[in-house]
Amino acid sequence: MSSVADNLARVRERVAKACASAGRPESSVTLVAVSKLKPAALIREAYAAGQRDFGENYAQELRDKAEELKDLDGLRWHAIGSLQTNKVKYVARVAHAFHALERLDVATELSKRRAGSTPLPCYVELNLGGEDTKHGLTPDALGDFVAKVRELPHLQVVGLMALPPPTDDVARMREGFARLRELASAHGLTALSMGTTHDFEQAILEGATAVRVGTAIFGERA
């Protein structure tokens, strides 16, 4: 097996162990392999090892890779980065899900561009730590935003996404993920996109339904 396939197998084993610890089936977690800034050849390696869900941060890179890899049946693209209205068309055209919805103008344009296709599942992004360097809504703004997006005909709000403040303290990690789970539940949402290479096992223990893992699969980015 290639190094990507080896890495993927190790990550899947860790996902399975975390699910077992949480008393959940492994099928309850979608592993999104974050392939941003990685060549299409590595995505092909991961695909050959059985991976089907891939995450891209940049809309134009998503567009280009979707075209280059259109021969791969069943590949599902997850747009996971913040989005400007002039790039919405690329996401609306190929994305299986959008994990970073935080602006109503982007939501409106996405819905318009998605017309004629299946509704686009969206995760609303929250900024739980009030960090200036991160995107996302404040928890106080969530209810009104979700209500407005739910009025749009071609989007489906399925859950929440957040990158809690980084920490090596496992208790604090879980606290941030638990808060996101509680906010989702309070707004009738069941899906949680949370957890990265650094902390995905803790995210699974707190209810993550999608984890976004890049470095542990593809290695460090240049």
C-alpha atoms as a PDB file:
ATOM      1  CA  MET A   1       0.000   0.000   0.000  1.00  0.00           C
ATOM      2  CA  SER A   2       1.071   3.560  -0.568  1.00  0.00           C
ATOM      3  CA  SER A   3       1.771   5.905   2.332  1.00  0.00           C
ATOM      4  CA  VAL A   4      -1.601   7.595   1.759  1.00  0.00           C
ATOM      5  CA  ALA A   5      -3.371   4.244   1.935  1.00  0.00           C
ATOM      6  CA  ASP A   6      -1.399   3.323   5.068  1.00  0.00           C
ATOM      7  CA  ASN A   7      -2.230   6.649   6.697  1.00  0.00           C
ATOM      8  CA  LEU A   8      -5.875   6.307   5.756  1.00  0.00           C
ATOM      9  CA  ALA A   9      -6.044   2.841   7.291  1.00  0.00           C
ATOM     10  CA  ARG A  10      -4.576   4.153  10.538  1.00  0.00           C
ATOM     11  CA  VAL A  11      -7.029   7.052  10.675  1.00  0.00           C
ATOM     12  CA  ARG A  12      -9.960   4.733  10.012  1.00  0.00           C
ATOM     13  CA  GLU A  13      -8.786   2.486  12.846  1.00  0.00           C
ATOM     14  CA  ARG A  14      -8.678   5.501  15.184  1.00  0.00           C
ATOM     15  CA  VAL A  15     -12.168   6.555  14.066  1.00  0.00           C
ATOM     16  CA  ALA A  16     -13.466   3.045  14.723  1.00  0.00           C
ATOM     17  CA  LYS A  17     -11.909   2.960  18.219  1.00  0.00           C
ATOM     18  CA  ALA A  18     -13.348   6.376  19.101  1.00  0.00           C
ATOM     19  CA  CYS A  19     -16.781   5.297  17.881  1.00  0.00           C
ATOM     20  CA  ALA A  20     -16.558   2.112  19.953  1.00  0.00           C
ATOM     21  CA  SER A  21     -15.602   4.150  23.031  1.00  0.00           C
ATOM     22  CA  ALA A  22     -18.609   6.405  22.428  1.00  0.00           C
ATOM     23  CA  GLY A  23     -20.921   3.437  21.922  1.00  0.00           C
ATOM     24  CA  ARG A  24     -21.655   4.493  18.349  1.00  0.00           C
ATOM     25  CA  PRO A  25     -21.484   2.620  15.036  1.00  0.00           C
ATOM     26  CA  GLU A  26     -18.557   3.592  12.831  1.00  0.00           C
ATOM     27  CA  SER A  27     -21.069   4.403  10.096  1.00  0.00           C
ATOM     28  CA  SER A  28     -22.328   7.333  12.186  1.00  0.00           C
ATOM     29  CA  VAL A  29     -19.171   9.333  11.336  1.00  0.00           C
ATOM     30  CA  THR A  30     -18.212  10.563   7.873  1.00  0.00           C
ATOM     31  CA  LEU A  31     -14.453  10.845   7.432  1.00  0.00           C
ATOM     32  CA  VAL A  32     -13.737  13.820   5.181  1.00  0.00           C
ATOM     33  CA  ALA A  33     -10.187  13.640   3.813  1.00  0.00           C
ATOM     34  CA  VAL A  34      -9.020  17.255   3.568  1.00  0.00           C
ATOM     35  CA  SER A  35      -7.101  17.435   0.305  1.00  0.00           C
ATOM     36  CA  LYS A  36      -6.564  21.191  -0.022  1.00  0.00           C
ATOM     37  CA  LEU A  37      -3.259  22.104  -1.689  1.00  0.00           C
ATOM     38  CA  LYS A  38      -2.586  18.427  -2.362  1.00  0.00           C
ATOM     39  CA  PRO A  39      -2.204  17.073  -5.921  1.00  0.00           C
ATOM     40  CA  ALA A  40      -4.987  15.141  -7.584  1.00  0.00           C
ATOM     41  CA  ALA A  41      -2.693  12.086  -7.721  1.00  0.00           C
ATOM     42  CA  LEU A  42      -2.877  11.745  -3.927  1.00  0.00           C
ATOM     43  CA  ILE A  43      -6.664  11.982  -4.035  1.00  0.00           C
ATOM     44  CA  ARG A  44      -6.624   9.135  -6.544  1.00  0.00           C
ATOM     45  CA  GLU A  45      -4.516   7.085  -4.118  1.00  0.00           C
ATOM     46  CA  ALA A  46      -6.975   7.694  -1.304  1.00  0.00           C
ATOM     47  CA  TYR A  47      -9.887   6.894  -3.610  1.00  0.00           C
ATOM     48  CA  ALA A  48      -8.221   3.615  -4.600  1.00  0.00           C
ATOM     49  CA  ALA A  49      -8.011   2.805  -0.874  1.00  0.00           C
ATOM     50  CA  GLY A  50     -11.760   3.280  -0.554  1.00  0.00           C
ATOM     51  CA  GLN A  51     -12.052   6.940   0.491  1.00  0.00           C
ATOM     52  CA  ARG A  52     -14.977   8.787  -1.114  1.00  0.00           C
ATOM     53  CA  ASP A  53     -15.431  12.050   0.830  1.00  0.00           C
ATOM     54  CA  PHE A  54     -12.883  14.827   0.218  1.00  0.00           C
ATOM     55  CA  GLY A  55     -12.722  18.372   1.591  1.00  0.00           C
ATOM     56  CA  GLU A  56     -11.453  21.451  -0.216  1.00  0.00           C
ATOM     57  CA  ASN A  57     -11.059  24.929   1.294  1.00  0.00           C
ATOM     58  CA  TYR A  58     -10.727  26.980  -1.880  1.00  0.00           C
ATOM     59  CA  ALA A  59     -13.582  27.211  -4.367  1.00  0.00           C
ATOM     60  CA  GLN A  60     -11.409  27.460  -7.485  1.00  0.00           C
ATOM     61  CA  GLU A  61      -9.245  24.540  -6.399  1.00  0.00           C
ATOM     62  CA  LEU A  62     -12.439  22.569  -5.817  1.00  0.00           C
ATOM     63  CA  ARG A  63     -13.621  23.473  -9.318  1.00  0.00           C
ATOM     64  CA  ASP A  64     -10.356  22.403 -10.931  1.00  0.00           C
ATOM     65  CA  LYS A  65     -10.030  19.122  -9.027  1.00  0.00           C
ATOM     66  CA  ALA A  66     -13.669  18.207  -9.651  1.00  0.00           C
ATOM     67  CA  GLU A  67     -13.009  18.549 -13.374  1.00  0.00           C
ATOM     68  CA  GLU A  68      -9.711  16.641 -13.258  1.00  0.00           C
ATOM     69  CA  LEU A  69     -11.191  13.802 -11.202  1.00  0.00           C
ATOM     70  CA  LYS A  70     -14.627  13.577 -12.783  1.00  0.00           C
ATOM     71  CA  ASP A  71     -13.875   9.998 -13.871  1.00  0.00           C
ATOM     72  CA  LEU A  72     -13.975   8.812 -10.233  1.00  0.00           C
ATOM     73  CA  ASP A  73     -17.493   7.499  -9.663  1.00  0.00           C
ATOM     74  CA  GLY A  74     -19.031   8.225  -6.288  1.00  0.00           C
ATOM     75  CA  LEU A  75     -16.462  10.814  -5.196  1.00  0.00           C
ATOM     76  CA  ARG A  76     -18.144  13.370  -2.892  1.00  0.00           C
ATOM     77  CA  TRP A  77     -16.744  16.879  -2.543  1.00  0.00           C
ATOM     78  CA  HIS A  78     -17.158  18.820   0.699  1.00  0.00           C
ATOM     79  CA  ALA A  79     -16.543  22.580   0.493  1.00  0.00           C
ATOM     80  CA  ILE A  80     -15.111  23.384   3.915  1.00  0.00           C
ATOM     81  CA  GLY A  81     -13.711  26.918   3.600  1.00  0.00           C
ATOM     82  CA  SER A  82     -15.273  30.368   3.827  1.00  0.00           C
ATOM     83  CA  LEU A  83     -16.873  31.514   0.596  1.00  0.00           C
ATOM     84  CA  GLN A  84     -17.329  34.790  -1.285  1.00  0.00           C
ATOM     85  CA  THR A  85     -20.410  35.371  -3.424  1.00  0.00           C
ATOM     86  CA  ASN A  86     -18.371  35.525  -6.651  1.00  0.00           C
ATOM     87  CA  LYS A  87     -17.088  31.975  -6.004  1.00  0.00           C
ATOM     88  CA  VAL A  88     -20.451  30.453  -5.038  1.00  0.00           C
ATOM     89  CA  LYS A  89     -21.036  29.055  -8.523  1.00  0.00           C
ATOM     90  CA  TYR A  90     -18.128  26.629  -8.180  1.00  0.00           C
ATOM     91  CA  VAL A  91     -19.422  25.189  -4.913  1.00  0.00           C
ATOM     92  CA  ALA A  92     -23.065  25.078  -6.004  1.00  0.00           C
ATOM     93  CA  ARG A  93     -22.098  23.114  -9.099  1.00  0.00           C
ATOM     94  CA  VAL A  94     -20.139  20.235  -7.545  1.00  0.00           C
ATOM     95  CA  ALA A  95     -20.382  20.160  -3.745  1.00  0.00           C
ATOM     96  CA  HIS A  96     -22.005  17.295  -1.877  1.00  0.00           C
ATOM     97  CA  ALA A  97     -22.095  19.511   1.247  1.00  0.00           C
ATOM     98  CA  PHE A  98     -20.943  22.962   2.399  1.00  0.00           C
ATOM     99  CA  HIS A  99     -19.397  23.155   5.875  1.00  0.00           C
ATOM    100  CA  ALA A 100     -18.834  26.890   6.363  1.00  0.00           C
ATOM    101  CA  LEU A 101     -22.090  28.804   5.916  1.00  0.00           C
ATOM    102  CA  GLU A 102     -21.967  32.080   7.820  1.00  0.00           C
ATOM    103  CA  ARG A 103     -23.361  34.793   5.519  1.00  0.00           C
ATOM    104  CA  LEU A 104     -26.907  35.304   4.291  1.00  0.00           C
ATOM    105  CA  ASP A 105     -25.807  36.776   0.943  1.00  0.00           C
ATOM    106  CA  VAL A 106     -23.751  33.635   0.284  1.00  0.00           C
ATOM    107  CA  ALA A 107     -26.692  31.447   1.315  1.00  0.00           C
ATOM    108  CA  THR A 108     -29.040  33.323  -1.014  1.00  0.00           C
ATOM    109  CA  GLU A 109     -26.645  32.995  -3.945  1.00  0.00           C
ATOM    110  CA  LEU A 110     -26.019  29.318  -3.200  1.00  0.00           C
ATOM    111  CA  SER A 111     -29.736  28.612  -3.213  1.00  0.00           C
ATOM    112  CA  LYS A 112     -30.164  30.432  -6.495  1.00  0.00           C
ATOM    113  CA  ARG A 113     -27.259  28.612  -8.121  1.00  0.00           C
ATOM    114  CA  ARG A 114     -28.404  25.237  -6.773  1.00  0.00           C
ATOM    115  CA  ALA A 115     -31.832  25.490  -8.459  1.00  0.00           C
ATOM    116  CA  GLY A 116     -32.559  22.451 -10.603  1.00  0.00           C
ATOM    117  CA  SER A 117     -30.419  20.160  -8.464  1.00  0.00           C
ATOM    118  CA  THR A 118     -30.860  18.497  -5.083  1.00  0.00           C
ATOM    119  CA  PRO A 119     -30.848  20.873  -2.087  1.00  0.00           C
ATOM    120  CA  LEU A 120     -27.318  21.509  -0.808  1.00  0.00           C
ATOM    121  CA  PRO A 121     -26.736  20.261   2.761  1.00  0.00           C
ATOM    122  CA  CYS A 122     -25.115  23.049   4.781  1.00  0.00           C
ATOM    123  CA  TYR A 123     -23.430  23.325   8.155  1.00  0.00           C
ATOM    124  CA  VAL A 124     -23.595  26.757   9.783  1.00  0.00           C
ATOM    125  CA  GLU A 125     -20.173  27.847  11.010  1.00  0.00           C
ATOM    126  CA  LEU A 126     -19.860  29.213  14.539  1.00  0.00           C
ATOM    127  CA  ASN A 127     -16.974  31.071  16.149  1.00  0.00           C
ATOM    128  CA  LEU A 128     -17.222  29.682  19.661  1.00  0.00           C
ATOM    129  CA  GLY A 129     -14.144  31.436  21.037  1.00  0.00           C
ATOM    130  CA  GLY A 130     -14.773  34.892  19.567  1.00  0.00           C
ATOM    131  CA  GLU A 131     -11.411  34.661  17.806  1.00  0.00           C
ATOM    132  CA  ASP A 132     -10.579  37.449  15.366  1.00  0.00           C
ATOM    133  CA  THR A 133      -8.658  35.045  13.128  1.00  0.00           C
ATOM    134  CA  LYS A 134     -11.626  32.741  12.571  1.00  0.00           C
ATOM    135  CA  HIS A 135     -14.829  32.985  10.584  1.00  0.00           C
ATOM    136  CA  GLY A 136     -18.247  32.124  11.924  1.00  0.00           C
ATOM    137  CA  LEU A 137     -21.332  33.488  13.641  1.00  0.00           C
ATOM    138  CA  THR A 138     -21.647  34.136  17.345  1.00  0.00           C
ATOM    139  CA  PRO A 139     -23.965  31.694  19.125  1.00  0.00           C
ATOM    140  CA  ASP A 140     -26.391  34.561  19.804  1.00  0.00           C
ATOM    141  CA  ALA A 141     -26.845  35.130  16.061  1.00  0.00           C
ATOM    142  CA  LEU A 142     -27.507  31.483  15.267  1.00  0.00           C
ATOM    143  CA  GLY A 143     -31.274  31.257  15.700  1.00  0.00           C
ATOM    144  CA  ASP A 144     -32.153  34.167  13.436  1.00  0.00           C
ATOM    145  CA  PHE A 145     -29.652  33.062  10.793  1.00  0.00           C
ATOM    146  CA  VAL A 146     -30.917  29.473  10.686  1.00  0.00           C
ATOM    147  CA  ALA A 147     -34.510  30.667  10.420  1.00  0.00           C
ATOM    148  CA  LYS A 148     -33.669  32.822   7.396  1.00  0.00           C
ATOM    149  CA  VAL A 149     -31.648  30.127   5.638  1.00  0.00           C
ATOM    150  CA  ARG A 150     -34.459  27.629   6.155  1.00  0.00           C
ATOM    151  CA  GLU A 151     -36.654  29.873   3.989  1.00  0.00           C
ATOM    152  CA  LEU A 152     -34.337  29.363   1.006  1.00  0.00           C
ATOM    153  CA  PRO A 153     -35.653  26.631  -1.306  1.00  0.00           C
ATOM    154  CA  HIS A 154     -32.459  24.936  -2.462  1.00  0.00           C
ATOM    155  CA  LEU A 155     -30.460  24.709   0.778  1.00  0.00           C
ATOM    156  CA  GLN A 156     -30.857  22.355   3.724  1.00  0.00           C
ATOM    157  CA  VAL A 157     -29.414  23.342   7.104  1.00  0.00           C
ATOM    158  CA  VAL A 158     -28.289  20.010   8.535  1.00  0.00           C
ATOM    159  CA  GLY A 159     -25.977  20.997  11.355  1.00  0.00           C
ATOM    160  CA  LEU A 160     -23.211  23.130  12.791  1.00  0.00           C
ATOM    161  CA  MET A 161     -19.471  23.408  12.248  1.00  0.00           C
ATOM    162  CA  ALA A 162     -16.804  24.977  14.424  1.00  0.00           C
ATOM    163  CA  LEU A 163     -13.088  24.979  15.085  1.00  0.00           C
ATOM    164  CA  PRO A 164     -12.921  25.573  18.840  1.00  0.00           C
ATOM    165  CA  PRO A 165      -9.867  27.435  20.201  1.00  0.00           C
ATOM    166  CA  PRO A 166      -6.812  25.175  19.878  1.00  0.00           C
ATOM    167  CA  THR A 167      -5.674  23.423  23.028  1.00  0.00           C
ATOM    168  CA  ASP A 168      -3.803  20.313  24.133  1.00  0.00           C
ATOM    169  CA  ASP A 169      -6.059  20.035  27.182  1.00  0.00           C
ATOM    170  CA  VAL A 170      -8.410  17.137  26.452  1.00  0.00           C
ATOM    171  CA  ALA A 171     -11.037  18.403  28.883  1.00  0.00           C
ATOM    172  CA  ARG A 172     -11.120  21.798  27.172  1.00  0.00           C
ATOM    173  CA  MET A 173     -11.265  20.127  23.744  1.00  0.00           C
ATOM    174  CA  ARG A 174     -14.312  18.156  24.774  1.00  0.00           C
ATOM    175  CA  GLU A 175     -15.889  21.188  26.393  1.00  0.00           C
ATOM    176  CA  GLY A 176     -15.803  23.091  23.091  1.00  0.00           C
ATOM    177  CA  PHE A 177     -17.236  20.166  21.134  1.00  0.00           C
ATOM    178  CA  ALA A 178     -19.928  19.580  23.761  1.00  0.00           C
ATOM    179  CA  ARG A 179     -20.985  23.211  23.513  1.00  0.00           C
ATOM    180  CA  LEU A 180     -21.420  22.887  19.756  1.00  0.00           C
ATOM    181  CA  ARG A 181     -23.476  19.725  20.240  1.00  0.00           C
ATOM    182  CA  GLU A 182     -25.731  21.482  22.742  1.00  0.00           C
ATOM    183  CA  LEU A 183     -26.245  24.465  20.415  1.00  0.00           C
ATOM    184  CA  ALA A 184     -27.143  22.151  17.552  1.00  0.00           C
ATOM    185  CA  SER A 185     -29.658  20.294  19.675  1.00  0.00           C
ATOM    186  CA  ALA A 186     -31.230  23.553  20.844  1.00  0.00           C
ATOM    187  CA  HIS A 187     -31.908  24.492  17.220  1.00  0.00           C
ATOM    188  CA  GLY A 188     -33.169  21.104  16.075  1.00  0.00           C
ATOM    189  CA  LEU A 189     -29.997  20.158  14.190  1.00  0.00           C
ATOM    190  CA  THR A 190     -28.439  16.703  14.300  1.00  0.00           C
ATOM    191  CA  ALA A 191     -25.225  16.909  12.250  1.00  0.00           C
ATOM    192  CA  LEU A 192     -21.913  18.140  13.666  1.00  0.00           C
ATOM    193  CA  SER A 193     -18.856  18.854  11.525  1.00  0.00           C
ATOM    194  CA  MET A 194     -16.072  19.091  14.080  1.00  0.00           C
ATOM    195  CA  GLY A 195     -12.658  17.621  14.737  1.00  0.00           C
ATOM    196  CA  THR A 196      -9.424  17.687  12.739  1.00  0.00           C
ATOM    197  CA  THR A 197      -6.177  15.690  12.760  1.00  0.00           C
ATOM    198  CA  HIS A 198      -5.343  17.182  16.162  1.00  0.00           C
ATOM    199  CA  ASP A 199      -8.562  16.317  17.983  1.00  0.00           C
ATOM    200  CA  PHE A 200     -10.988  14.235  15.914  1.00  0.00           C
ATOM    201  CA  GLU A 201     -11.192  11.417  18.452  1.00  0.00           C
ATOM    202  CA  GLN A 202     -12.373  13.817  21.154  1.00  0.00           C
ATOM    203  CA  ALA A 203     -14.873  15.286  18.682  1.00  0.00           C
ATOM    204  CA  ILE A 204     -16.300  11.818  17.995  1.00  0.00           C
ATOM    205  CA  LEU A 205     -16.699  11.203  21.720  1.00  0.00           C
ATOM    206  CA  GLU A 206     -18.795  14.387  21.860  1.00  0.00           C
ATOM    207  CA  GLY A 207     -21.019  13.499  18.910  1.00  0.00           C
ATOM    208  CA  ALA A 208     -19.248  14.550  15.688  1.00  0.00           C
ATOM    209  CA  THR A 209     -20.956  13.178  12.592  1.00  0.00           C
ATOM    210  CA  ALA A 210     -18.257  14.474  10.206  1.00  0.00           C
ATOM    211  CA  VAL A 211     -14.544  14.846  10.963  1.00  0.00           C
ATOM    212  CA  ARG A 212     -12.182  16.737   8.665  1.00  0.00           C
ATOM    213  CA  VAL A 213      -8.759  15.066   8.618  1.00  0.00           C
ATOM    214  CA  GLY A 214      -5.975  16.219   6.310  1.00  0.00           C
ATOM    215  CA  THR A 215      -2.463  16.019   7.743  1.00  0.00           C
ATOM    216  CA  ALA A 216      -2.874  12.549   9.238  1.00  0.00           C
ATOM    217  CA  ILE A 217      -3.838  11.235   5.768  1.00  0.00           C
ATOM    218  CA  PHE A 218      -1.867  13.329   3.275  1.00  0.00           C
ATOM    219  CA  GLY A 219       1.004  14.620   5.408  1.00  0.00           C
ATOM    220  CA  GLU A 220       2.012  18.188   6.174  1.00  0.00           C
ATOM    221  CA  ARG A 221       1.237  20.881   3.627  1.00  0.00           C
ATOM    222  CA  ALA A 222       4.025  22.854   2.005  1.00  0.00           C
END
